[in-house]
Amino acid sequence: MQLIEERIGTAVKKIRDRLPPEVILLAAAKTRTLEEVEAVIQAGVSHIGYNYVQEALPIMEIIGDRVKWHMIGHLQRNKAGYVA
């Protein structure tokens, strides 16, 4: 995790006058199992993103607010209520 954060910091300094804390590592968890998501949380990832609400909900219920959740990609209107 430290190596990833260092690489993000180096990249940010090259392209903008922004500090690395403004950049977050978002792990896209599409098709990942609960065990895999738990492993990245244990490694220090604190932002998890999903493409599909129906895939995310069971894992979100178990993990709860230990991480910040994101929906990535397009969100269908009929699924927006689940996210709100």
PDB file of N, CA and C in Angstrom:
ATOM      1  N   MET A   1       0.824  -1.188   0.000  1.00  0.00           N
ATOM      2  CA  MET A   1       0.000   0.000   0.000  1.00  0.00           C
ATOM      3  C   MET A   1       0.872   1.257   0.000  1.00  0.00           C
ATOM      4  N   GLN A   2       1.949   1.247   0.748  1.00  0.00           N
ATOM      5  CA  GLN A   2       2.823   2.416   0.808  1.00  0.00           C
ATOM      6  C   GLN A   2       3.427   2.709  -0.563  1.00  0.00           C
ATOM      7  N   LEU A   3       3.818   1.675  -1.294  1.00  0.00           N
ATOM      8  CA  LEU A   3       4.380   1.865  -2.629  1.00  0.00           C
ATOM      9  C   LEU A   3       3.361   2.511  -3.562  1.00  0.00           C
ATOM     10  N   ILE A   4       2.112   2.078  -3.481  1.00  0.00           N
ATOM     11  CA  ILE A   4       1.061   2.661  -4.312  1.00  0.00           C
ATOM     12  C   ILE A   4       0.874   4.132  -3.970  1.00  0.00           C
ATOM     13  N   GLU A   5       0.822   4.459  -2.685  1.00  0.00           N
ATOM     14  CA  GLU A   5       0.656   5.853  -2.266  1.00  0.00           C
ATOM     15  C   GLU A   5       1.818   6.716  -2.727  1.00  0.00           C
ATOM     16  N   GLU A   6       3.040   6.177  -2.676  1.00  0.00           N
ATOM     17  CA  GLU A   6       4.198   6.924  -3.142  1.00  0.00           C
ATOM     18  C   GLU A   6       4.113   7.185  -4.647  1.00  0.00           C
ATOM     19  N   ARG A   7       3.672   6.187  -5.400  1.00  0.00           N
ATOM     20  CA  ARG A   7       3.539   6.348  -6.848  1.00  0.00           C
ATOM     21  C   ARG A   7       2.459   7.367  -7.192  1.00  0.00           C
ATOM     22  N   ILE A   8       1.366   7.368  -6.445  1.00  0.00           N
ATOM     23  CA  ILE A   8       0.316   8.367  -6.659  1.00  0.00           C
ATOM     24  C   ILE A   8       0.883   9.759  -6.387  1.00  0.00           C
ATOM     25  N   GLY A   9       1.595   9.910  -5.289  1.00  0.00           N
ATOM     26  CA  GLY A   9       2.187  11.196  -4.938  1.00  0.00           C
ATOM     27  C   GLY A   9       3.145  11.706  -5.998  1.00  0.00           C
ATOM     28  N   THR A  10       3.980  10.834  -6.524  1.00  0.00           N
ATOM     29  CA  THR A  10       4.926  11.207  -7.576  1.00  0.00           C
ATOM     30  C   THR A  10       4.184  11.639  -8.839  1.00  0.00           C
ATOM     31  N   ALA A  11       3.163  10.891  -9.221  1.00  0.00           N
ATOM     32  CA  ALA A  11       2.391  11.217 -10.422  1.00  0.00           C
ATOM     33  C   ALA A  11       1.685  12.560 -10.282  1.00  0.00           C
ATOM     34  N   VAL A  12       1.107  12.807  -9.115  1.00  0.00           N
ATOM     35  CA  VAL A  12       0.393  14.061  -8.892  1.00  0.00           C
ATOM     36  C   VAL A  12       1.349  15.243  -8.985  1.00  0.00           C
ATOM     37  N   LYS A  13       2.515  15.118  -8.417  1.00  0.00           N
ATOM     38  CA  LYS A  13       3.486  16.218  -8.447  1.00  0.00           C
ATOM     39  C   LYS A  13       3.929  16.520  -9.874  1.00  0.00           C
ATOM     40  N   LYS A  14       3.966  15.508 -10.727  1.00  0.00           N
ATOM     41  CA  LYS A  14       4.391  15.712 -12.109  1.00  0.00           C
ATOM     42  C   LYS A  14       3.335  16.445 -12.930  1.00  0.00           C
ATOM     43  N   ILE A  15       2.062  16.245 -12.635  1.00  0.00           N
ATOM     44  CA  ILE A  15       1.034  16.794 -13.506  1.00  0.00           C
ATOM     45  C   ILE A  15       0.345  18.041 -12.969  1.00  0.00           C
ATOM     46  N   ARG A  16       0.369  18.272 -11.674  1.00  0.00           N
ATOM     47  CA  ARG A  16      -0.335  19.427 -11.103  1.00  0.00           C
ATOM     48  C   ARG A  16       0.326  19.873  -9.819  1.00  0.00           C
ATOM     49  N   ASP A  17      -0.024  21.050  -9.421  1.00  0.00           N
ATOM     50  CA  ASP A  17       0.439  21.562  -8.128  1.00  0.00           C
ATOM     51  C   ASP A  17      -0.578  21.195  -7.066  1.00  0.00           C
ATOM     52  N   ARG A  18      -0.861  19.912  -6.957  1.00  0.00           N
ATOM     53  CA  ARG A  18      -1.808  19.418  -5.947  1.00  0.00           C
ATOM     54  C   ARG A  18      -1.056  18.526  -4.980  1.00  0.00           C
ATOM     55  N   LEU A  19      -1.534  18.473  -3.776  1.00  0.00           N
ATOM     56  CA  LEU A  19      -0.928  17.613  -2.770  1.00  0.00           C
ATOM     57  C   LEU A  19      -1.531  16.216  -2.876  1.00  0.00           C
ATOM     58  N   PRO A  20      -0.758  15.165  -2.645  1.00  0.00           N
ATOM     59  CA  PRO A  20      -1.288  13.802  -2.724  1.00  0.00           C
ATOM     60  C   PRO A  20      -2.540  13.529  -1.898  1.00  0.00           C
ATOM     61  N   PRO A  21      -2.774  14.143  -0.739  1.00  0.00           N
ATOM     62  CA  PRO A  21      -4.006  13.843  -0.002  1.00  0.00           C
ATOM     63  C   PRO A  21      -5.288  14.152  -0.788  1.00  0.00           C
ATOM     64  N   GLU A  22      -5.188  14.985  -1.833  1.00  0.00           N
ATOM     65  CA  GLU A  22      -6.357  15.282  -2.650  1.00  0.00           C
ATOM     66  C   GLU A  22      -6.709  14.129  -3.587  1.00  0.00           C
ATOM     67  N   VAL A  23      -5.807  13.196  -3.740  1.00  0.00           N
ATOM     68  CA  VAL A  23      -6.014  12.060  -4.628  1.00  0.00           C
ATOM     69  C   VAL A  23      -6.287  10.838  -3.764  1.00  0.00           C
ATOM     70  N   ILE A  24      -7.325  10.085  -4.123  1.00  0.00           N
ATOM     71  CA  ILE A  24      -7.622   8.881  -3.357  1.00  0.00           C
ATOM     72  C   ILE A  24      -7.452   7.658  -4.243  1.00  0.00           C
ATOM     73  N   LEU A  25      -7.117   6.559  -3.628  1.00  0.00           N
ATOM     74  CA  LEU A  25      -7.061   5.276  -4.304  1.00  0.00           C
ATOM     75  C   LEU A  25      -8.439   4.647  -4.171  1.00  0.00           C
ATOM     76  N   LEU A  26      -9.090   4.419  -5.300  1.00  0.00           N
ATOM     77  CA  LEU A  26     -10.415   3.813  -5.320  1.00  0.00           C
ATOM     78  C   LEU A  26     -10.279   2.428  -5.928  1.00  0.00           C
ATOM     79  N   ALA A  27     -10.528   1.408  -5.128  1.00  0.00           N
ATOM     80  CA  ALA A  27     -10.452   0.033  -5.619  1.00  0.00           C
ATOM     81  C   ALA A  27     -11.772  -0.337  -6.278  1.00  0.00           C
ATOM     82  N   ALA A  28     -11.724  -0.641  -7.562  1.00  0.00           N
ATOM     83  CA  ALA A  28     -12.923  -1.082  -8.283  1.00  0.00           C
ATOM     84  C   ALA A  28     -13.120  -2.562  -7.985  1.00  0.00           C
ATOM     85  N   ALA A  29     -14.245  -2.883  -7.389  1.00  0.00           N
ATOM     86  CA  ALA A  29     -14.461  -4.242  -6.876  1.00  0.00           C
ATOM     87  C   ALA A  29     -15.408  -5.066  -7.748  1.00  0.00           C
ATOM     88  N   LYS A  30     -15.548  -4.721  -9.009  1.00  0.00           N
ATOM     89  CA  LYS A  30     -16.446  -5.447  -9.908  1.00  0.00           C
ATOM     90  C   LYS A  30     -16.087  -6.932  -9.926  1.00  0.00           C
ATOM     91  N   THR A  31     -17.057  -7.763  -9.640  1.00  0.00           N
ATOM     92  CA  THR A  31     -16.969  -9.240  -9.616  1.00  0.00           C
ATOM     93  C   THR A  31     -16.052  -9.787  -8.518  1.00  0.00           C
ATOM     94  N   ARG A  32     -15.641  -8.985  -7.567  1.00  0.00           N
ATOM     95  CA  ARG A  32     -14.778  -9.458  -6.482  1.00  0.00           C
ATOM     96  C   ARG A  32     -15.621 -10.064  -5.370  1.00  0.00           C
ATOM     97  N   THR A  33     -15.059 -11.054  -4.717  1.00  0.00           N
ATOM     98  CA  THR A  33     -15.753 -11.714  -3.615  1.00  0.00           C
ATOM     99  C   THR A  33     -15.614 -10.899  -2.330  1.00  0.00           C
ATOM    100  N   LEU A  34     -16.419 -11.238  -1.341  1.00  0.00           N
ATOM    101  CA  LEU A  34     -16.322 -10.588  -0.034  1.00  0.00           C
ATOM    102  C   LEU A  34     -14.915 -10.752   0.532  1.00  0.00           C
ATOM    103  N   GLU A  35     -14.348 -11.925   0.395  1.00  0.00           N
ATOM    104  CA  GLU A  35     -13.005 -12.185   0.926  1.00  0.00           C
ATOM    105  C   GLU A  35     -11.966 -11.299   0.242  1.00  0.00           C
ATOM    106  N   GLU A  36     -12.108 -11.090  -1.056  1.00  0.00           N
ATOM    107  CA  GLU A  36     -11.162 -10.229  -1.775  1.00  0.00           C
ATOM    108  C   GLU A  36     -11.313  -8.774  -1.353  1.00  0.00           C
ATOM    109  N   VAL A  37     -12.542  -8.327  -1.172  1.00  0.00           N
ATOM    110  CA  VAL A  37     -12.771  -6.955  -0.717  1.00  0.00           C
ATOM    111  C   VAL A  37     -12.217  -6.767   0.694  1.00  0.00           C
ATOM    112  N   GLU A  38     -12.448  -7.734   1.563  1.00  0.00           N
ATOM    113  CA  GLU A  38     -11.897  -7.675   2.928  1.00  0.00           C
ATOM    114  C   GLU A  38     -10.371  -7.593   2.895  1.00  0.00           C
ATOM    115  N   ALA A  39      -9.741  -8.323   1.976  1.00  0.00           N
ATOM    116  CA  ALA A  39      -8.280  -8.328   1.886  1.00  0.00           C
ATOM    117  C   ALA A  39      -7.734  -6.951   1.508  1.00  0.00           C
ATOM    118  N   VAL A  40      -8.376  -6.269   0.565  1.00  0.00           N
ATOM    119  CA  VAL A  40      -7.869  -4.944   0.205  1.00  0.00           C
ATOM    120  C   VAL A  40      -8.117  -3.928   1.309  1.00  0.00           C
ATOM    121  N   ILE A  41      -9.197  -4.114   2.062  1.00  0.00           N
ATOM    122  CA  ILE A  41      -9.433  -3.236   3.212  1.00  0.00           C
ATOM    123  C   ILE A  41      -8.330  -3.453   4.252  1.00  0.00           C
ATOM    124  N   GLN A  42      -7.989  -4.703   4.493  1.00  0.00           N
ATOM    125  CA  GLN A  42      -6.910  -5.006   5.433  1.00  0.00           C
ATOM    126  C   GLN A  42      -5.572  -4.431   4.969  1.00  0.00           C
ATOM    127  N   ALA A  43      -5.403  -4.325   3.646  1.00  0.00           N
ATOM    128  CA  ALA A  43      -4.162  -3.768   3.085  1.00  0.00           C
ATOM    129  C   ALA A  43      -4.129  -2.249   3.167  1.00  0.00           C
ATOM    130  N   GLY A  44      -5.264  -1.623   3.542  1.00  0.00           N
ATOM    131  CA  GLY A  44      -5.271  -0.182   3.738  1.00  0.00           C
ATOM    132  C   GLY A  44      -6.152   0.613   2.796  1.00  0.00           C
ATOM    133  N   VAL A  45      -6.836  -0.033   1.879  1.00  0.00           N
ATOM    134  CA  VAL A  45      -7.737   0.688   0.968  1.00  0.00           C
ATOM    135  C   VAL A  45      -8.974   1.130   1.747  1.00  0.00           C
ATOM    136  N   SER A  46      -9.367   2.387   1.571  1.00  0.00           N
ATOM    137  CA  SER A  46     -10.508   2.896   2.331  1.00  0.00           C
ATOM    138  C   SER A  46     -11.647   3.396   1.440  1.00  0.00           C
ATOM    139  N   HIS A  47     -11.510   3.259   0.118  1.00  0.00           N
ATOM    140  CA  HIS A  47     -12.549   3.638  -0.829  1.00  0.00           C
ATOM    141  C   HIS A  47     -12.755   2.479  -1.799  1.00  0.00           C
ATOM    142  N   ILE A  48     -14.000   1.981  -1.855  1.00  0.00           N
ATOM    143  CA  ILE A  48     -14.338   0.840  -2.714  1.00  0.00           C
ATOM    144  C   ILE A  48     -15.430   1.278  -3.687  1.00  0.00           C
ATOM    145  N   GLY A  49     -15.261   0.935  -4.963  1.00  0.00           N
ATOM    146  CA  GLY A  49     -16.246   1.289  -5.974  1.00  0.00           C
ATOM    147  C   GLY A  49     -16.839   0.069  -6.647  1.00  0.00           C
ATOM    148  N   TYR A  50     -18.111   0.150  -6.965  1.00  0.00           N
ATOM    149  CA  TYR A  50     -18.824  -0.925  -7.668  1.00  0.00           C
ATOM    150  C   TYR A  50     -19.524  -0.379  -8.888  1.00  0.00           C
ATOM    151  N   ASN A  51     -19.652  -1.212  -9.913  1.00  0.00           N
ATOM    152  CA  ASN A  51     -20.415  -0.866 -11.111  1.00  0.00           C
ATOM    153  C   ASN A  51     -21.885  -1.190 -10.937  1.00  0.00           C
ATOM    154  N   TYR A  52     -22.179  -2.262 -10.238  1.00  0.00           N
ATOM    155  CA  TYR A  52     -23.542  -2.758 -10.167  1.00  0.00           C
ATOM    156  C   TYR A  52     -24.072  -2.740  -8.737  1.00  0.00           C
ATOM    157  N   VAL A  53     -25.191  -2.073  -8.545  1.00  0.00           N
ATOM    158  CA  VAL A  53     -25.802  -1.956  -7.226  1.00  0.00           C
ATOM    159  C   VAL A  53     -26.117  -3.333  -6.654  1.00  0.00           C
ATOM    160  N   GLN A  54     -26.704  -4.195  -7.477  1.00  0.00           N
ATOM    161  CA  GLN A  54     -27.108  -5.515  -6.984  1.00  0.00           C
ATOM    162  C   GLN A  54     -25.912  -6.355  -6.541  1.00  0.00           C
ATOM    163  N   GLU A  55     -24.754  -6.109  -7.089  1.00  0.00           N
ATOM    164  CA  GLU A  55     -23.536  -6.811  -6.676  1.00  0.00           C
ATOM    165  C   GLU A  55     -22.969  -6.198  -5.400  1.00  0.00           C
ATOM    166  N   ALA A  56     -23.116  -4.892  -5.266  1.00  0.00           N
ATOM    167  CA  ALA A  56     -22.534  -4.178  -4.130  1.00  0.00           C
ATOM    168  C   ALA A  56     -23.317  -4.354  -2.834  1.00  0.00           C
ATOM    169  N   LEU A  57     -24.640  -4.374  -2.910  1.00  0.00           N
ATOM    170  CA  LEU A  57     -25.467  -4.351  -1.697  1.00  0.00           C
ATOM    171  C   LEU A  57     -25.142  -5.437  -0.677  1.00  0.00           C
ATOM    172  N   PRO A  58     -25.004  -6.707  -1.062  1.00  0.00           N
ATOM    173  CA  PRO A  58     -24.704  -7.721  -0.038  1.00  0.00           C
ATOM    174  C   PRO A  58     -23.365  -7.476   0.666  1.00  0.00           C
ATOM    175  N   ILE A  59     -22.385  -7.015  -0.090  1.00  0.00           N
ATOM    176  CA  ILE A  59     -21.067  -6.767   0.503  1.00  0.00           C
ATOM    177  C   ILE A  59     -21.094  -5.502   1.346  1.00  0.00           C
ATOM    178  N   MET A  60     -21.824  -4.496   0.883  1.00  0.00           N
ATOM    179  CA  MET A  60     -21.948  -3.255   1.664  1.00  0.00           C
ATOM    180  C   MET A  60     -22.624  -3.518   3.000  1.00  0.00           C
ATOM    181  N   GLU A  61     -23.603  -4.388   3.021  1.00  0.00           N
ATOM    182  CA  GLU A  61     -24.302  -4.710   4.277  1.00  0.00           C
ATOM    183  C   GLU A  61     -23.359  -5.364   5.280  1.00  0.00           C
ATOM    184  N   ILE A  62     -22.459  -6.199   4.806  1.00  0.00           N
ATOM    185  CA  ILE A  62     -21.530  -6.902   5.702  1.00  0.00           C
ATOM    186  C   ILE A  62     -20.411  -5.974   6.170  1.00  0.00           C
ATOM    187  N   ILE A  63     -19.827  -5.235   5.252  1.00  0.00           N
ATOM    188  CA  ILE A  63     -18.676  -4.390   5.587  1.00  0.00           C
ATOM    189  C   ILE A  63     -19.111  -3.093   6.259  1.00  0.00           C
ATOM    190  N   GLY A  64     -20.258  -2.580   5.851  1.00  0.00           N
ATOM    191  CA  GLY A  64     -20.778  -1.373   6.484  1.00  0.00           C
ATOM    192  C   GLY A  64     -19.956  -0.133   6.209  1.00  0.00           C
ATOM    193  N   ASP A  65     -19.803   0.700   7.221  1.00  0.00           N
ATOM    194  CA  ASP A  65     -19.135   1.988   7.040  1.00  0.00           C
ATOM    195  C   ASP A  65     -17.639   1.958   7.349  1.00  0.00           C
ATOM    196  N   ARG A  66     -17.048   0.780   7.301  1.00  0.00           N
ATOM    197  CA  ARG A  66     -15.593   0.709   7.493  1.00  0.00           C
ATOM    198  C   ARG A  66     -14.837   1.326   6.327  1.00  0.00           C
ATOM    199  N   VAL A  67     -15.524   1.485   5.180  1.00  0.00           N
ATOM    200  CA  VAL A  67     -14.932   2.124   4.013  1.00  0.00           C
ATOM    201  C   VAL A  67     -15.922   3.118   3.432  1.00  0.00           C
ATOM    202  N   LYS A  68     -15.447   3.964   2.546  1.00  0.00           N
ATOM    203  CA  LYS A  68     -16.318   4.883   1.809  1.00  0.00           C
ATOM    204  C   LYS A  68     -16.695   4.186   0.500  1.00  0.00           C
ATOM    205  N   TRP A  69     -17.987   4.116   0.229  1.00  0.00           N
ATOM    206  CA  TRP A  69     -18.498   3.418  -0.949  1.00  0.00           C
ATOM    207  C   TRP A  69     -18.735   4.389  -2.096  1.00  0.00           C
ATOM    208  N   HIS A  70     -18.463   3.918  -3.312  1.00  0.00           N
ATOM    209  CA  HIS A  70     -18.667   4.706  -4.525  1.00  0.00           C
ATOM    210  C   HIS A  70     -19.361   3.839  -5.561  1.00  0.00           C
ATOM    211  N   MET A  71     -20.220   4.461  -6.339  1.00  0.00           N
ATOM    212  CA  MET A  71     -20.776   3.796  -7.510  1.00  0.00           C
ATOM    213  C   MET A  71     -20.037   4.374  -8.703  1.00  0.00           C
ATOM    214  N   ILE A  72     -19.499   3.510  -9.543  1.00  0.00           N
ATOM    215  CA  ILE A  72     -18.720   3.967 -10.690  1.00  0.00           C
ATOM    216  C   ILE A  72     -19.430   3.562 -11.973  1.00  0.00           C
ATOM    217  N   GLY A  73     -19.303   4.383 -12.975  1.00  0.00           N
ATOM    218  CA  GLY A  73     -19.972   4.100 -14.240  1.00  0.00           C
ATOM    219  C   GLY A  73     -21.382   4.660 -14.239  1.00  0.00           C
ATOM    220  N   HIS A  74     -22.160   4.203 -15.190  1.00  0.00           N
ATOM    221  CA  HIS A  74     -23.542   4.669 -15.338  1.00  0.00           C
ATOM    222  C   HIS A  74     -24.447   3.974 -14.328  1.00  0.00           C
ATOM    223  N   LEU A  75     -25.396   4.706 -13.814  1.00  0.00           N
ATOM    224  CA  LEU A  75     -26.350   4.155 -12.860  1.00  0.00           C
ATOM    225  C   LEU A  75     -27.740   4.198 -13.493  1.00  0.00           C
ATOM    226  N   GLN A  76     -28.356   3.041 -13.594  1.00  0.00           N
ATOM    227  CA  GLN A  76     -29.690   2.987 -14.181  1.00  0.00           C
ATOM    228  C   GLN A  76     -30.702   3.618 -13.234  1.00  0.00           C
ATOM    229  N   ARG A  77     -31.666   4.286 -13.805  1.00  0.00           N
ATOM    230  CA  ARG A  77     -32.682   4.987 -13.029  1.00  0.00           C
ATOM    231  C   ARG A  77     -33.389   4.060 -12.037  1.00  0.00           C
ATOM    232  N   ASN A  78     -33.705   2.834 -12.463  1.00  0.00           N
ATOM    233  CA  ASN A  78     -34.425   1.921 -11.581  1.00  0.00           C
ATOM    234  C   ASN A  78     -33.591   1.439 -10.399  1.00  0.00           C
ATOM    235  N   LYS A  79     -32.288   1.673 -10.408  1.00  0.00           N
ATOM    236  CA  LYS A  79     -31.432   1.252  -9.306  1.00  0.00           C
ATOM    237  C   LYS A  79     -30.973   2.429  -8.454  1.00  0.00           C
ATOM    238  N   ALA A  80     -31.294   3.635  -8.861  1.00  0.00           N
ATOM    239  CA  ALA A  80     -30.830   4.839  -8.151  1.00  0.00           C
ATOM    240  C   ALA A  80     -31.355   4.893  -6.720  1.00  0.00           C
ATOM    241  N   GLY A  81     -32.546   4.394  -6.484  1.00  0.00           N
ATOM    242  CA  GLY A  81     -33.122   4.401  -5.129  1.00  0.00           C
ATOM    243  C   GLY A  81     -32.306   3.608  -4.140  1.00  0.00           C
ATOM    244  N   TYR A  82     -31.663   2.535  -4.596  1.00  0.00           N
ATOM    245  CA  TYR A  82     -30.827   1.726  -3.702  1.00  0.00           C
ATOM    246  C   TYR A  82     -29.605   2.497  -3.225  1.00  0.00           C
ATOM    247  N   VAL A  83     -29.078   3.335  -4.079  1.00  0.00           N
ATOM    248  CA  VAL A  83     -27.863   4.075  -3.759  1.00  0.00           C
ATOM    249  C   VAL A  83     -28.168   5.291  -2.910  1.00  0.00           C
ATOM    250  N   ALA A  84     -29.280   5.936  -3.188  1.00  0.00           N
ATOM    251  CA  ALA A  84     -29.647   7.143  -2.454  1.00  0.00           C
ATOM    252  C   ALA A  84     -29.926   6.770  -1.024  1.00  0.00           C
TER     253      ALA A  84
END
